[in-house]
Amino acid sequence: MSGPGYPARVAAAQLFADTYGTEPEGVWSAPGRVNLIGEHTDYNDGFALPFAISARVYVAAAVREDGILALTSRQQGEAVVTVPVESLARGPVESLARGKPGSWAAYPAGMAWALLSAGHRIGGASLAIDADLAAGAGLSSSAALECAAGLALADLYEITVPRAELAALGRRAENDFVGAPTGLMDQLAVLLCQPGHALLLDCRTGTGTAVPLDTAAAGVLVIDTRARHELTDGGYGSRRRACEDAARAMGVQSLREVTDASALSQLGDPVLIRRARHVVTENRRVLDVTELLRAGRIAAIGPLLTASHSSLRDDFEVSWPEADAAVEAALEAGALGARMTGGGFGGSVIALVPAAATADVTAAVTTRFAQRGWRSPAITPVEPSRGACRLY
């Protein structure tokens, strides 16, 4: 099994050998990501500022000659899910739909389908998956799985796919195969991030610019609230539809084009005003945080992180009780700022914490959860790490 002292990259190769009776041709990995700020802006053609973390998904893989895509995952009980590549070439496979026994396999199978639908010639492959990245924690484990599988399949079949294109294929897999109406941020972050930097994403152009993220003065804690989320449920999709409705009512292609929140009063519908106001003000906060980081003023971004949480809680209404309690407790214990991260309705919170306050913040959040009768949160410091890659 994987765990401390037994890296998941080694465990993935061992799982491959145990399952398929041979050695893999290579191991690929992709990181989880923390979105420092810029939530629900990606599908509105806006800005986001994620960074990769060290926790990753690992895929050991090899070509097979029988035209079968075979998938196994230690986190999913190690059962093997098989699907003929020929059937993937014809379109999404019903047996891998959400809610079916092999639904986890829809993410790597969806990448194979997306590559095929884009005209890339791939054939059968065996994949074994392991991870030290928690699923459902709002850290983009799904995009990590998609991108690690996509890199593996492209390399196995000697296909050159630019990373921006691979990110777009990952989003297509998630939107059209898995059925999650996500934007492009997660896949771009997973594929393009660099150590020591956040990535300023322009989600309209699909481009990213590295931004120094020096955590010497204050570090980032990830607080996994243990409340799991699922982006294929209705809440995420309804928020996206509201943003699209607001843009349509304002006569713009996307809310990226609206820069003055006061102009939203013309919408009339108070729900649409709140949803759009979050997007417009969040884009501004992303750009402000970027400028502060470029100036080496990481401590000064704290209030902007907290303002983002308030906007997500009150205007976008995607926070959840554990996230609100974690933010409140962290701030009371000395955090410079805190916010939910990810799509919402469960997952994780991030807190910007001076080194001297790390123990206090950790204790305060843990105590608050115990007082509420909730499961103890998992609290981990994170550093900006490298993006997806082939390990060998």
Foldseek 3Di string as FASTA:
>chain_A
DDDVPRHQQNVFQVLCCVVVVDGFPFKWKWFFKFWLFAAPQLLQLFKTWIFGWPWIKMKGKAFDDPQKAWEAEVVLVGDIDIDGLVVLLVHADPCCEPPHSNVLVLLLSLLSSLCSVVPHDFGYMYIYMYTPDDPQQQRPRSLRVNLRSNVVRCVNVVHDDPQLRSLVSSCCSCCGHHNQNDGRVRSLNQAPHAFQWIWIARSNVSDTDTFGDDCQQWFKKKWRQPQGDDRNDDLLVVLSVLQCVQCVVVVHRGLNPDQDLVVSVVVVDQLSSLSSSLNNVRSVLNVVCRVCRNVVNNLVSAVSQQVNQVSCCPRVNQADDLQVLLQVQLVVQAFSHKHATHNGPHHIMMTIHGPVRPVSSLVRSQVSCVVVVGPGIDMDTTGRHDHIDIPD
